Amino acid sequence: MAKILLVDDDKLVRTSLAYALEDAGYDVVQAENGDLGLEALARETFDLVVLDILMPEREGIETIRDIRKKWPTLPVLAISGGDKTGWSDFLRMASTLGANDTMAKPFTASDFVARVKRLLEAVGR
């Protein structure tokens, strides 16, 4: 099954999503920010990156740009709960910078796993 890098600063969200992916049979590596996510990408090969947009250290938008420079064909699913202004601008920016797909939080675990599966199938992984 596919190996997924899950990057989210919220430990509860990250753990919940990791459990959902693991229950679906995926191998999951977790990182709590963009810097640690990029370090994991440099060490290991992944089939997909799930990346929160708003994080400390290195935000998701900046991380997407870095991923596209070094791993241009690696699929990225950007997720965001937004801030006081909402999530739509962040997700639109993520798509513009190279995210293959986006999801607005909150979402159900089953919808999330289905989106991951569809994205992996779409890119032939």
PDB file of N, CA and C in Angstrom:
ATOM      1  N   MET A   1       0.850  -1.182   0.000  1.00  0.00           N
ATOM      2  CA  MET A   1       0.000   0.000   0.000  1.00  0.00           C
ATOM      3  C   MET A   1       0.891   1.239   0.000  1.00  0.00           C
ATOM      4  N   ALA A   2       0.311   2.353  -0.279  1.00  0.00           N
ATOM      5  CA  ALA A   2       1.043   3.607  -0.415  1.00  0.00           C
ATOM      6  C   ALA A   2       1.592   4.103   0.924  1.00  0.00           C
ATOM      7  N   LYS A   3       2.703   4.837   0.828  1.00  0.00           N
ATOM      8  CA  LYS A   3       3.322   5.461   1.992  1.00  0.00           C
ATOM      9  C   LYS A   3       3.009   6.956   1.957  1.00  0.00           C
ATOM     10  N   ILE A   4       2.451   7.466   3.056  1.00  0.00           N
ATOM     11  CA  ILE A   4       1.957   8.836   3.115  1.00  0.00           C
ATOM     12  C   ILE A   4       2.682   9.619   4.204  1.00  0.00           C
ATOM     13  N   LEU A   5       3.114  10.824   3.854  1.00  0.00           N
ATOM     14  CA  LEU A   5       3.667  11.753   4.835  1.00  0.00           C
ATOM     15  C   LEU A   5       2.541  12.689   5.255  1.00  0.00           C
ATOM     16  N   LEU A   6       2.255  12.725   6.548  1.00  0.00           N
ATOM     17  CA  LEU A   6       1.175  13.532   7.105  1.00  0.00           C
ATOM     18  C   LEU A   6       1.785  14.646   7.948  1.00  0.00           C
ATOM     19  N   VAL A   7       1.598  15.899   7.508  1.00  0.00           N
ATOM     20  CA  VAL A   7       2.209  17.045   8.176  1.00  0.00           C
ATOM     21  C   VAL A   7       1.108  17.965   8.704  1.00  0.00           C
ATOM     22  N   ASP A   8       1.011  18.044  10.038  1.00  0.00           N
ATOM     23  CA  ASP A   8       0.018  18.908  10.673  1.00  0.00           C
ATOM     24  C   ASP A   8       0.520  19.233  12.074  1.00  0.00           C
ATOM     25  N   ASP A   9       0.447  20.495  12.469  1.00  0.00           N
ATOM     26  CA  ASP A   9       0.950  20.896  13.785  1.00  0.00           C
ATOM     27  C   ASP A   9       0.023  20.505  14.928  1.00  0.00           C
ATOM     28  N   ASP A  10      -1.243  20.240  14.636  1.00  0.00           N
ATOM     29  CA  ASP A  10      -2.202  19.865  15.663  1.00  0.00           C
ATOM     30  C   ASP A  10      -2.090  18.357  15.914  1.00  0.00           C
ATOM     31  N   LYS A  11      -1.558  17.990  17.079  1.00  0.00           N
ATOM     32  CA  LYS A  11      -1.298  16.580  17.370  1.00  0.00           C
ATOM     33  C   LYS A  11      -2.566  15.740  17.313  1.00  0.00           C
ATOM     34  N   LEU A  12      -3.677  16.253  17.814  1.00  0.00           N
ATOM     35  CA  LEU A  12      -4.927  15.494  17.797  1.00  0.00           C
ATOM     36  C   LEU A  12      -5.385  15.235  16.358  1.00  0.00           C
ATOM     37  N   VAL A  13      -5.352  16.266  15.531  1.00  0.00           N
ATOM     38  CA  VAL A  13      -5.742  16.110  14.123  1.00  0.00           C
ATOM     39  C   VAL A  13      -4.805  15.127  13.433  1.00  0.00           C
ATOM     40  N   ARG A  14      -3.504  15.335  13.616  1.00  0.00           N
ATOM     41  CA  ARG A  14      -2.497  14.484  12.969  1.00  0.00           C
ATOM     42  C   ARG A  14      -2.670  13.017  13.372  1.00  0.00           C
ATOM     43  N   THR A  15      -2.860  12.777  14.665  1.00  0.00           N
ATOM     44  CA  THR A  15      -3.014  11.411  15.150  1.00  0.00           C
ATOM     45  C   THR A  15      -4.301  10.783  14.629  1.00  0.00           C
ATOM     46  N   SER A  16      -5.382  11.540  14.641  1.00  0.00           N
ATOM     47  CA  SER A  16      -6.667  11.031  14.151  1.00  0.00           C
ATOM     48  C   SER A  16      -6.598  10.670  12.675  1.00  0.00           C
ATOM     49  N   LEU A  17      -5.989  11.554  11.878  1.00  0.00           N
ATOM     50  CA  LEU A  17      -5.868  11.277  10.443  1.00  0.00           C
ATOM     51  C   LEU A  17      -4.937  10.103  10.186  1.00  0.00           C
ATOM     52  N   ALA A  18      -3.871   9.999  10.969  1.00  0.00           N
ATOM     53  CA  ALA A  18      -2.942   8.873  10.816  1.00  0.00           C
ATOM     54  C   ALA A  18      -3.651   7.552  11.105  1.00  0.00           C
ATOM     55  N   TYR A  19      -4.445   7.509  12.168  1.00  0.00           N
ATOM     56  CA  TYR A  19      -5.200   6.292  12.482  1.00  0.00           C
ATOM     57  C   TYR A  19      -6.146   5.925  11.341  1.00  0.00           C
ATOM     58  N   ALA A  20      -6.837   6.911  10.806  1.00  0.00           N
ATOM     59  CA  ALA A  20      -7.771   6.642   9.710  1.00  0.00           C
ATOM     60  C   ALA A  20      -7.040   6.073   8.496  1.00  0.00           C
ATOM     61  N   LEU A  21      -5.889   6.646   8.167  1.00  0.00           N
ATOM     62  CA  LEU A  21      -5.108   6.154   7.028  1.00  0.00           C
ATOM     63  C   LEU A  21      -4.541   4.760   7.294  1.00  0.00           C
ATOM     64  N   GLU A  22      -4.037   4.548   8.497  1.00  0.00           N
ATOM     65  CA  GLU A  22      -3.490   3.233   8.843  1.00  0.00           C
ATOM     66  C   GLU A  22      -4.576   2.166   8.828  1.00  0.00           C
ATOM     67  N   ASP A  23      -5.775   2.512   9.319  1.00  0.00           N
ATOM     68  CA  ASP A  23      -6.901   1.570   9.282  1.00  0.00           C
ATOM     69  C   ASP A  23      -7.270   1.207   7.844  1.00  0.00           C
ATOM     70  N   ALA A  24      -7.018   2.133   6.917  1.00  0.00           N
ATOM     71  CA  ALA A  24      -7.301   1.881   5.498  1.00  0.00           C
ATOM     72  C   ALA A  24      -6.147   1.143   4.823  1.00  0.00           C
ATOM     73  N   GLY A  25      -5.077   0.855   5.574  1.00  0.00           N
ATOM     74  CA  GLY A  25      -3.977   0.074   5.030  1.00  0.00           C
ATOM     75  C   GLY A  25      -2.782   0.856   4.552  1.00  0.00           C
ATOM     76  N   TYR A  26      -2.772   2.157   4.776  1.00  0.00           N
ATOM     77  CA  TYR A  26      -1.652   2.979   4.339  1.00  0.00           C
ATOM     78  C   TYR A  26      -0.545   3.005   5.400  1.00  0.00           C
ATOM     79  N   ASP A  27       0.681   3.145   4.935  1.00  0.00           N
ATOM     80  CA  ASP A  27       1.839   3.345   5.807  1.00  0.00           C
ATOM     81  C   ASP A  27       1.972   4.852   6.009  1.00  0.00           C
ATOM     82  N   VAL A  28       2.002   5.319   7.254  1.00  0.00           N
ATOM     83  CA  VAL A  28       1.973   6.755   7.538  1.00  0.00           C
ATOM     84  C   VAL A  28       3.178   7.170   8.370  1.00  0.00           C
ATOM     85  N   VAL A  29       3.815   8.255   7.957  1.00  0.00           N
ATOM     86  CA  VAL A  29       4.861   8.914   8.723  1.00  0.00           C
ATOM     87  C   VAL A  29       4.326  10.292   9.069  1.00  0.00           C
ATOM     88  N   GLN A  30       4.463  10.692  10.341  1.00  0.00           N
ATOM     89  CA  GLN A  30       3.933  11.975  10.793  1.00  0.00           C
ATOM     90  C   GLN A  30       5.040  12.997  11.012  1.00  0.00           C
ATOM     91  N   ALA A  31       4.721  14.256  10.728  1.00  0.00           N
ATOM     92  CA  ALA A  31       5.610  15.378  11.023  1.00  0.00           C
ATOM     93  C   ALA A  31       4.756  16.523  11.544  1.00  0.00           C
ATOM     94  N   GLU A  32       5.306  17.291  12.504  1.00  0.00           N
ATOM     95  CA  GLU A  32       4.494  18.334  13.136  1.00  0.00           C
ATOM     96  C   GLU A  32       4.648  19.711  12.516  1.00  0.00           C
ATOM     97  N   ASN A  33       5.530  19.862  11.532  1.00  0.00           N
ATOM     98  CA  ASN A  33       5.628  21.142  10.820  1.00  0.00           C
ATOM     99  C   ASN A  33       6.328  20.925   9.475  1.00  0.00           C
ATOM    100  N   GLY A  34       6.351  21.970   8.671  1.00  0.00           N
ATOM    101  CA  GLY A  34       6.915  21.867   7.334  1.00  0.00           C
ATOM    102  C   GLY A  34       8.395  21.531   7.325  1.00  0.00           C
ATOM    103  N   ASP A  35       9.163  22.064   8.275  1.00  0.00           N
ATOM    104  CA  ASP A  35      10.590  21.751   8.335  1.00  0.00           C
ATOM    105  C   ASP A  35      10.815  20.259   8.545  1.00  0.00           C
ATOM    106  N   LEU A  36      10.098  19.690   9.517  1.00  0.00           N
ATOM    107  CA  LEU A  36      10.239  18.259   9.785  1.00  0.00           C
ATOM    108  C   LEU A  36       9.700  17.418   8.626  1.00  0.00           C
ATOM    109  N   GLY A  37       8.676  17.919   7.963  1.00  0.00           N
ATOM    110  CA  GLY A  37       8.157  17.228   6.781  1.00  0.00           C
ATOM    111  C   GLY A  37       9.186  17.172   5.672  1.00  0.00           C
ATOM    112  N   LEU A  38       9.869  18.286   5.419  1.00  0.00           N
ATOM    113  CA  LEU A  38      10.903  18.308   4.385  1.00  0.00           C
ATOM    114  C   LEU A  38      12.071  17.402   4.752  1.00  0.00           C
ATOM    115  N   GLU A  39      12.401  17.334   6.044  1.00  0.00           N
ATOM    116  CA  GLU A  39      13.459  16.415   6.486  1.00  0.00           C
ATOM    117  C   GLU A  39      13.058  14.964   6.210  1.00  0.00           C
ATOM    118  N   ALA A  40      11.809  14.625   6.478  1.00  0.00           N
ATOM    119  CA  ALA A  40      11.321  13.269   6.210  1.00  0.00           C
ATOM    120  C   ALA A  40      11.363  12.964   4.713  1.00  0.00           C
ATOM    121  N   LEU A  41      10.987  13.936   3.884  1.00  0.00           N
ATOM    122  CA  LEU A  41      11.038  13.746   2.431  1.00  0.00           C
ATOM    123  C   LEU A  41      12.459  13.516   1.935  1.00  0.00           C
ATOM    124  N   ALA A  42      13.428  14.141   2.572  1.00  0.00           N
ATOM    125  CA  ALA A  42      14.822  13.968   2.173  1.00  0.00           C
ATOM    126  C   ALA A  42      15.347  12.583   2.552  1.00  0.00           C
ATOM    127  N   ARG A  43      14.758  11.959   3.574  1.00  0.00           N
ATOM    128  CA  ARG A  43      15.210  10.649   4.054  1.00  0.00           C
ATOM    129  C   ARG A  43      14.492   9.477   3.407  1.00  0.00           C
ATOM    130  N   GLU A  44      13.204   9.660   3.077  1.00  0.00           N
ATOM    131  CA  GLU A  44      12.364   8.547   2.659  1.00  0.00           C
ATOM    132  C   GLU A  44      11.594   8.900   1.392  1.00  0.00           C
ATOM    133  N   THR A  45      11.077   7.865   0.742  1.00  0.00           N
ATOM    134  CA  THR A  45      10.252   8.042  -0.445  1.00  0.00           C
ATOM    135  C   THR A  45       8.787   7.897  -0.048  1.00  0.00           C
ATOM    136  N   PHE A  46       7.970   8.825  -0.506  1.00  0.00           N
ATOM    137  CA  PHE A  46       6.547   8.817  -0.200  1.00  0.00           C
ATOM    138  C   PHE A  46       5.743   8.835  -1.489  1.00  0.00           C
ATOM    139  N   ASP A  47       4.510   8.332  -1.384  1.00  0.00           N
ATOM    140  CA  ASP A  47       3.588   8.338  -2.523  1.00  0.00           C
ATOM    141  C   ASP A  47       2.668   9.553  -2.502  1.00  0.00           C
ATOM    142  N   LEU A  48       2.540  10.191  -1.329  1.00  0.00           N
ATOM    143  CA  LEU A  48       1.630  11.322  -1.166  1.00  0.00           C
ATOM    144  C   LEU A  48       2.019  12.103   0.084  1.00  0.00           C
ATOM    145  N   VAL A  49       1.845  13.418   0.020  1.00  0.00           N
ATOM    146  CA  VAL A  49       2.009  14.267   1.195  1.00  0.00           C
ATOM    147  C   VAL A  49       0.660  14.908   1.495  1.00  0.00           C
ATOM    148  N   VAL A  50       0.225  14.781   2.750  1.00  0.00           N
ATOM    149  CA  VAL A  50      -0.944  15.500   3.250  1.00  0.00           C
ATOM    150  C   VAL A  50      -0.388  16.604   4.125  1.00  0.00           C
ATOM    151  N   LEU A  51      -0.764  17.836   3.818  1.00  0.00           N
ATOM    152  CA  LEU A  51      -0.084  18.982   4.406  1.00  0.00           C
ATOM    153  C   LEU A  51      -1.071  20.040   4.876  1.00  0.00           C
ATOM    154  N   ASP A  52      -1.016  20.357   6.166  1.00  0.00           N
ATOM    155  CA  ASP A  52      -1.815  21.464   6.700  1.00  0.00           C
ATOM    156  C   ASP A  52      -1.215  22.774   6.185  1.00  0.00           C
ATOM    157  N   ILE A  53      -2.024  23.766   6.015  1.00  0.00           N
ATOM    158  CA  ILE A  53      -1.546  25.043   5.481  1.00  0.00           C
ATOM    159  C   ILE A  53      -1.022  25.963   6.582  1.00  0.00           C
ATOM    160  N   LEU A  54      -1.750  26.103   7.676  1.00  0.00           N
ATOM    161  CA  LEU A  54      -1.349  27.032   8.737  1.00  0.00           C
ATOM    162  C   LEU A  54      -0.631  26.284   9.853  1.00  0.00           C
ATOM    163  N   MET A  55       0.693  26.462   9.910  1.00  0.00           N
ATOM    164  CA  MET A  55       1.517  25.796  10.921  1.00  0.00           C
ATOM    165  C   MET A  55       2.641  26.732  11.344  1.00  0.00           C
ATOM    166  N   PRO A  56       3.171  26.517  12.551  1.00  0.00           N
ATOM    167  CA  PRO A  56       4.360  27.271  12.952  1.00  0.00           C
ATOM    168  C   PRO A  56       5.598  26.726  12.234  1.00  0.00           C
ATOM    169  N   GLU A  57       6.702  27.384  12.421  1.00  0.00           N
ATOM    170  CA  GLU A  57       7.992  26.995  11.827  1.00  0.00           C
ATOM    171  C   GLU A  57       7.975  27.263  10.322  1.00  0.00           C
ATOM    172  N   ARG A  58       7.415  26.363   9.544  1.00  0.00           N
ATOM    173  CA  ARG A  58       7.321  26.517   8.094  1.00  0.00           C
ATOM    174  C   ARG A  58       5.883  26.197   7.705  1.00  0.00           C
ATOM    175  N   GLU A  59       5.185  27.196   7.205  1.00  0.00           N
ATOM    176  CA  GLU A  59       3.781  27.015   6.831  1.00  0.00           C
ATOM    177  C   GLU A  59       3.647  26.110   5.612  1.00  0.00           C
ATOM    178  N   GLY A  60       2.437  25.638   5.415  1.00  0.00           N
ATOM    179  CA  GLY A  60       2.165  24.735   4.308  1.00  0.00           C
ATOM    180  C   GLY A  60       2.411  25.336   2.937  1.00  0.00           C
ATOM    181  N   ILE A  61       2.080  26.611   2.755  1.00  0.00           N
ATOM    182  CA  ILE A  61       2.280  27.253   1.449  1.00  0.00           C
ATOM    183  C   ILE A  61       3.763  27.247   1.088  1.00  0.00           C
ATOM    184  N   GLU A  62       4.599  27.629   2.028  1.00  0.00           N
ATOM    185  CA  GLU A  62       6.042  27.627   1.802  1.00  0.00           C
ATOM    186  C   GLU A  62       6.557  26.204   1.562  1.00  0.00           C
ATOM    187  N   THR A  63       6.008  25.256   2.285  1.00  0.00           N
ATOM    188  CA  THR A  63       6.424  23.863   2.139  1.00  0.00           C
ATOM    189  C   THR A  63       6.026  23.318   0.778  1.00  0.00           C
ATOM    190  N   ILE A  64       4.852  23.677   0.282  1.00  0.00           N
ATOM    191  CA  ILE A  64       4.434  23.240  -1.059  1.00  0.00           C
ATOM    192  C   ILE A  64       5.428  23.744  -2.097  1.00  0.00           C
ATOM    193  N   ARG A  65       5.830  25.002  -1.990  1.00  0.00           N
ATOM    194  CA  ARG A  65       6.813  25.547  -2.942  1.00  0.00           C
ATOM    195  C   ARG A  65       8.108  24.743  -2.917  1.00  0.00           C
ATOM    196  N   ASP A  66       8.571  24.397  -1.715  1.00  0.00           N
ATOM    197  CA  ASP A  66       9.803  23.623  -1.585  1.00  0.00           C
ATOM    198  C   ASP A  66       9.639  22.209  -2.138  1.00  0.00           C
ATOM    199  N   ILE A  67       8.488  21.602  -1.894  1.00  0.00           N
ATOM    200  CA  ILE A  67       8.227  20.259  -2.431  1.00  0.00           C
ATOM    201  C   ILE A  67       8.235  20.299  -3.950  1.00  0.00           C
ATOM    202  N   ARG A  68       7.594  21.292  -4.540  1.00  0.00           N
ATOM    203  CA  ARG A  68       7.531  21.375  -5.998  1.00  0.00           C
ATOM    204  C   ARG A  68       8.920  21.561  -6.628  1.00  0.00           C
ATOM    205  N   LYS A  69       9.823  22.242  -5.931  1.00  0.00           N
ATOM    206  CA  LYS A  69      11.181  22.429  -6.443  1.00  0.00           C
ATOM    207  C   LYS A  69      11.963  21.123  -6.468  1.00  0.00           C
ATOM    208  N   LYS A  70      11.852  20.333  -5.403  1.00  0.00           N
ATOM    209  CA  LYS A  70      12.663  19.119  -5.280  1.00  0.00           C
ATOM    210  C   LYS A  70      11.946  17.853  -5.716  1.00  0.00           C
ATOM    211  N   TRP A  71      10.631  17.808  -5.560  1.00  0.00           N
ATOM    212  CA  TRP A  71       9.844  16.624  -5.899  1.00  0.00           C
ATOM    213  C   TRP A  71       8.626  17.069  -6.720  1.00  0.00           C
ATOM    214  N   PRO A  72       8.846  17.483  -7.954  1.00  0.00           N
ATOM    215  CA  PRO A  72       7.767  18.110  -8.735  1.00  0.00           C
ATOM    216  C   PRO A  72       6.576  17.203  -9.038  1.00  0.00           C
ATOM    217  N   THR A  73       6.759  15.895  -9.016  1.00  0.00           N
ATOM    218  CA  THR A  73       5.641  15.004  -9.351  1.00  0.00           C
ATOM    219  C   THR A  73       4.987  14.372  -8.131  1.00  0.00           C
ATOM    220  N   LEU A  74       5.489  14.673  -6.938  1.00  0.00           N
ATOM    221  CA  LEU A  74       4.928  14.099  -5.714  1.00  0.00           C
ATOM    222  C   LEU A  74       3.554  14.711  -5.431  1.00  0.00           C
ATOM    223  N   PRO A  75       2.522  13.887  -5.334  1.00  0.00           N
ATOM    224  CA  PRO A  75       1.186  14.422  -5.068  1.00  0.00           C
ATOM    225  C   PRO A  75       1.089  15.057  -3.677  1.00  0.00           C
ATOM    226  N   VAL A  76       0.386  16.189  -3.615  1.00  0.00           N
ATOM    227  CA  VAL A  76       0.179  16.910  -2.362  1.00  0.00           C
ATOM    228  C   VAL A  76      -1.312  17.179  -2.181  1.00  0.00           C
ATOM    229  N   LEU A  77      -1.819  16.796  -1.014  1.00  0.00           N
ATOM    230  CA  LEU A  77      -3.181  17.131  -0.600  1.00  0.00           C
ATOM    231  C   LEU A  77      -3.066  18.166   0.503  1.00  0.00           C
ATOM    232  N   ALA A  78      -3.500  19.391   0.230  1.00  0.00           N
ATOM    233  CA  ALA A  78      -3.450  20.474   1.218  1.00  0.00           C
ATOM    234  C   ALA A  78      -4.758  20.496   1.994  1.00  0.00           C
ATOM    235  N   ILE A  79      -4.629  20.645   3.327  1.00  0.00           N
ATOM    236  CA  ILE A  79      -5.812  20.719   4.182  1.00  0.00           C
ATOM    237  C   ILE A  79      -5.707  21.977   5.038  1.00  0.00           C
ATOM    238  N   SER A  80      -6.870  22.564   5.345  1.00  0.00           N
ATOM    239  CA  SER A  80      -6.844  23.773   6.168  1.00  0.00           C
ATOM    240  C   SER A  80      -8.182  24.011   6.834  1.00  0.00           C
ATOM    241  N   GLY A  81      -8.089  24.457   8.076  1.00  0.00           N
ATOM    242  CA  GLY A  81      -9.270  24.932   8.790  1.00  0.00           C
ATOM    243  C   GLY A  81      -9.374  26.441   8.710  1.00  0.00           C
ATOM    244  N   GLY A  82      -8.338  27.060   8.106  1.00  0.00           N
ATOM    245  CA  GLY A  82      -8.332  28.504   7.935  1.00  0.00           C
ATOM    246  C   GLY A  82      -8.039  29.243   9.220  1.00  0.00           C
ATOM    247  N   ASP A  83      -8.321  30.510   9.193  1.00  0.00           N
ATOM    248  CA  ASP A  83      -8.176  31.355  10.369  1.00  0.00           C
ATOM    249  C   ASP A  83      -9.432  32.215  10.458  1.00  0.00           C
ATOM    250  N   LYS A  84      -9.342  33.374  11.040  1.00  0.00           N
ATOM    251  CA  LYS A  84     -10.513  34.237  11.202  1.00  0.00           C
ATOM    252  C   LYS A  84     -11.130  34.648   9.868  1.00  0.00           C
ATOM    253  N   THR A  85     -10.335  34.662   8.809  1.00  0.00           N
ATOM    254  CA  THR A  85     -10.850  35.066   7.503  1.00  0.00           C
ATOM    255  C   THR A  85     -11.438  33.908   6.719  1.00  0.00           C
ATOM    256  N   GLY A  86     -11.284  32.679   7.216  1.00  0.00           N
ATOM    257  CA  GLY A  86     -11.789  31.506   6.509  1.00  0.00           C
ATOM    258  C   GLY A  86     -10.680  30.737   5.845  1.00  0.00           C
ATOM    259  N   TRP A  87     -11.033  29.626   5.168  1.00  0.00           N
ATOM    260  CA  TRP A  87     -10.038  28.740   4.591  1.00  0.00           C
ATOM    261  C   TRP A  87      -9.919  28.837   3.079  1.00  0.00           C
ATOM    262  N   SER A  88     -10.880  29.407   2.410  1.00  0.00           N
ATOM    263  CA  SER A  88     -10.911  29.324   0.950  1.00  0.00           C
ATOM    264  C   SER A  88      -9.708  29.983   0.288  1.00  0.00           C
ATOM    265  N   ASP A  89      -9.248  31.115   0.797  1.00  0.00           N
ATOM    266  CA  ASP A  89      -8.090  31.775   0.188  1.00  0.00           C
ATOM    267  C   ASP A  89      -6.826  30.940   0.351  1.00  0.00           C
ATOM    268  N   PHE A  90      -6.662  30.321   1.495  1.00  0.00           N
ATOM    269  CA  PHE A  90      -5.482  29.487   1.731  1.00  0.00           C
ATOM    270  C   PHE A  90      -5.468  28.281   0.798  1.00  0.00           C
ATOM    271  N   LEU A  91      -6.609  27.644   0.654  1.00  0.00           N
ATOM    272  CA  LEU A  91      -6.674  26.465  -0.210  1.00  0.00           C
ATOM    273  C   LEU A  91      -6.529  26.844  -1.677  1.00  0.00           C
ATOM    274  N   ARG A  92      -7.058  27.976  -2.067  1.00  0.00           N
ATOM    275  CA  ARG A  92      -6.903  28.445  -3.442  1.00  0.00           C
ATOM    276  C   ARG A  92      -5.423  28.727  -3.731  1.00  0.00           C
ATOM    277  N   MET A  93      -4.739  29.339  -2.781  1.00  0.00           N
ATOM    278  CA  MET A  93      -3.317  29.614  -2.934  1.00  0.00           C
ATOM    279  C   MET A  93      -2.520  28.307  -2.999  1.00  0.00           C
ATOM    280  N   ALA A  94      -2.890  27.332  -2.190  1.00  0.00           N
ATOM    281  CA  ALA A  94      -2.215  26.035  -2.206  1.00  0.00           C
ATOM    282  C   ALA A  94      -2.349  25.382  -3.578  1.00  0.00           C
ATOM    283  N   SER A  95      -3.525  25.465  -4.166  1.00  0.00           N
ATOM    284  CA  SER A  95      -3.729  24.906  -5.510  1.00  0.00           C
ATOM    285  C   SER A  95      -2.888  25.633  -6.542  1.00  0.00           C
ATOM    286  N   THR A  96      -2.846  26.940  -6.444  1.00  0.00           N
ATOM    287  CA  THR A  96      -2.060  27.737  -7.380  1.00  0.00           C
ATOM    288  C   THR A  96      -0.578  27.381  -7.314  1.00  0.00           C
ATOM    289  N   LEU A  97      -0.091  27.084  -6.109  1.00  0.00           N
ATOM    290  CA  LEU A  97       1.327  26.781  -5.924  1.00  0.00           C
ATOM    291  C   LEU A  97       1.673  25.321  -6.180  1.00  0.00           C
ATOM    292  N   GLY A  98       0.666  24.492  -6.466  1.00  0.00           N
ATOM    293  CA  GLY A  98       0.993  23.132  -6.863  1.00  0.00           C
ATOM    294  C   GLY A  98       0.360  22.000  -6.093  1.00  0.00           C
ATOM    295  N   ALA A  99      -0.517  22.283  -5.129  1.00  0.00           N
ATOM    296  CA  ALA A  99      -1.220  21.183  -4.462  1.00  0.00           C
ATOM    297  C   ALA A  99      -2.126  20.502  -5.487  1.00  0.00           C
ATOM    298  N   ASN A 100      -2.127  19.182  -5.485  1.00  0.00           N
ATOM    299  CA  ASN A 100      -2.951  18.430  -6.426  1.00  0.00           C
ATOM    300  C   ASN A 100      -4.424  18.469  -6.053  1.00  0.00           C
ATOM    301  N   ASP A 101      -4.694  18.609  -4.750  1.00  0.00           N
ATOM    302  CA  ASP A 101      -6.071  18.636  -4.277  1.00  0.00           C
ATOM    303  C   ASP A 101      -6.080  19.360  -2.934  1.00  0.00           C
ATOM    304  N   THR A 102      -7.266  19.803  -2.508  1.00  0.00           N
ATOM    305  CA  THR A 102      -7.404  20.496  -1.233  1.00  0.00           C
ATOM    306  C   THR A 102      -8.664  20.000  -0.519  1.00  0.00           C
ATOM    307  N   MET A 103      -8.638  20.112   0.807  1.00  0.00           N
ATOM    308  CA  MET A 103      -9.809  19.800   1.631  1.00  0.00           C
ATOM    309  C   MET A 103      -9.904  20.814   2.752  1.00  0.00           C
ATOM    310  N   ALA A 104     -11.111  21.289   3.000  1.00  0.00           N
ATOM    311  CA  ALA A 104     -11.353  22.220   4.103  1.00  0.00           C
ATOM    312  C   ALA A 104     -11.729  21.441   5.355  1.00  0.00           C
ATOM    313  N   LYS A 105     -11.068  21.760   6.463  1.00  0.00           N
ATOM    314  CA  LYS A 105     -11.436  21.181   7.758  1.00  0.00           C
ATOM    315  C   LYS A 105     -12.674  21.910   8.260  1.00  0.00           C
ATOM    316  N   PRO A 106     -13.546  21.284   8.973  1.00  0.00           N
ATOM    317  CA  PRO A 106     -13.490  19.883   9.375  1.00  0.00           C
ATOM    318  C   PRO A 106     -14.039  18.974   8.279  1.00  0.00           C
ATOM    319  N   PHE A 107     -13.589  17.739   8.287  1.00  0.00           N
ATOM    320  CA  PHE A 107     -14.095  16.715   7.373  1.00  0.00           C
ATOM    321  C   PHE A 107     -14.110  15.394   8.137  1.00  0.00           C
ATOM    322  N   THR A 108     -14.858  14.440   7.611  1.00  0.00           N
ATOM    323  CA  THR A 108     -14.926  13.139   8.269  1.00  0.00           C
ATOM    324  C   THR A 108     -13.725  12.294   7.860  1.00  0.00           C
ATOM    325  N   ALA A 109     -13.410  11.340   8.700  1.00  0.00           N
ATOM    326  CA  ALA A 109     -12.302  10.430   8.399  1.00  0.00           C
ATOM    327  C   ALA A 109     -12.581   9.665   7.110  1.00  0.00           C
ATOM    328  N   SER A 110     -13.818   9.250   6.916  1.00  0.00           N
ATOM    329  CA  SER A 110     -14.133   8.480   5.700  1.00  0.00           C
ATOM    330  C   SER A 110     -14.006   9.340   4.448  1.00  0.00           C
ATOM    331  N   ASP A 111     -14.427  10.598   4.510  1.00  0.00           N
ATOM    332  CA  ASP A 111     -14.256  11.492   3.360  1.00  0.00           C
ATOM    333  C   ASP A 111     -12.772  11.730   3.082  1.00  0.00           C
ATOM    334  N   PHE A 112     -11.991  11.888   4.144  1.00  0.00           N
ATOM    335  CA  PHE A 112     -10.556  12.104   4.000  1.00  0.00           C
ATOM    336  C   PHE A 112      -9.879  10.900   3.346  1.00  0.00           C
ATOM    337  N   VAL A 113     -10.156   9.719   3.842  1.00  0.00           N
ATOM    338  CA  VAL A 113      -9.539   8.509   3.275  1.00  0.00           C
ATOM    339  C   VAL A 113      -9.981   8.319   1.824  1.00  0.00           C
ATOM    340  N   ALA A 114     -11.233   8.591   1.526  1.00  0.00           N
ATOM    341  CA  ALA A 114     -11.713   8.471   0.145  1.00  0.00           C
ATOM    342  C   ALA A 114     -10.987   9.454  -0.773  1.00  0.00           C
ATOM    343  N   ARG A 115     -10.757  10.668  -0.297  1.00  0.00           N
ATOM    344  CA  ARG A 115     -10.048  11.672  -1.100  1.00  0.00           C
ATOM    345  C   ARG A 115      -8.604  11.241  -1.347  1.00  0.00           C
ATOM    346  N   VAL A 116      -7.952  10.726  -0.318  1.00  0.00           N
ATOM    347  CA  VAL A 116      -6.573  10.224  -0.461  1.00  0.00           C
ATOM    348  C   VAL A 116      -6.536   9.110  -1.498  1.00  0.00           C
ATOM    349  N   LYS A 117      -7.460   8.179  -1.390  1.00  0.00           N
ATOM    350  CA  LYS A 117      -7.507   7.053  -2.336  1.00  0.00           C
ATOM    351  C   LYS A 117      -7.705   7.543  -3.764  1.00  0.00           C
ATOM    352  N   ARG A 118      -8.642   8.458  -3.972  1.00  0.00           N
ATOM    353  CA  ARG A 118      -8.903   8.993  -5.320  1.00  0.00           C
ATOM    354  C   ARG A 118      -7.673   9.720  -5.867  1.00  0.00           C
ATOM    355  N   LEU A 119      -7.010  10.493  -5.029  1.00  0.00           N
ATOM    356  CA  LEU A 119      -5.834  11.224  -5.472  1.00  0.00           C
ATOM    357  C   LEU A 119      -4.707  10.270  -5.859  1.00  0.00           C
ATOM    358  N   LEU A 120      -4.479   9.257  -5.051  1.00  0.00           N
ATOM    359  CA  LEU A 120      -3.445   8.282  -5.381  1.00  0.00           C
ATOM    360  C   LEU A 120      -3.769   7.544  -6.675  1.00  0.00           C
ATOM    361  N   GLU A 121      -5.021   7.175  -6.867  1.00  0.00           N
ATOM    362  CA  GLU A 121      -5.430   6.518  -8.106  1.00  0.00           C
ATOM    363  C   GLU A 121      -5.264   7.439  -9.302  1.00  0.00           C
ATOM    364  N   ALA A 122      -5.598   8.712  -9.131  1.00  0.00           N
ATOM    365  CA  ALA A 122      -5.509   9.687 -10.225  1.00  0.00           C
ATOM    366  C   ALA A 122      -4.088   9.880 -10.716  1.00  0.00           C
ATOM    367  N   VAL A 123      -3.125   9.760  -9.814  1.00  0.00           N
ATOM    368  CA  VAL A 123      -1.725   9.955 -10.198  1.00  0.00           C
ATOM    369  C   VAL A 123      -1.011   8.636 -10.431  1.00  0.00           C
ATOM    370  N   GLY A 124      -1.775   7.546 -10.398  1.00  0.00           N
ATOM    371  CA  GLY A 124      -1.208   6.231 -10.708  1.00  0.00           C
ATOM    372  C   GLY A 124      -0.310   5.650  -9.637  1.00  0.00           C
ATOM    373  N   ARG A 125      -0.611   5.943  -8.394  1.00  0.00           N
ATOM    374  CA  ARG A 125       0.207   5.395  -7.291  1.00  0.00           C
ATOM    375  C   ARG A 125      -0.593   4.456  -6.426  1.00  0.00           C
TER     376      ARG A 125
END
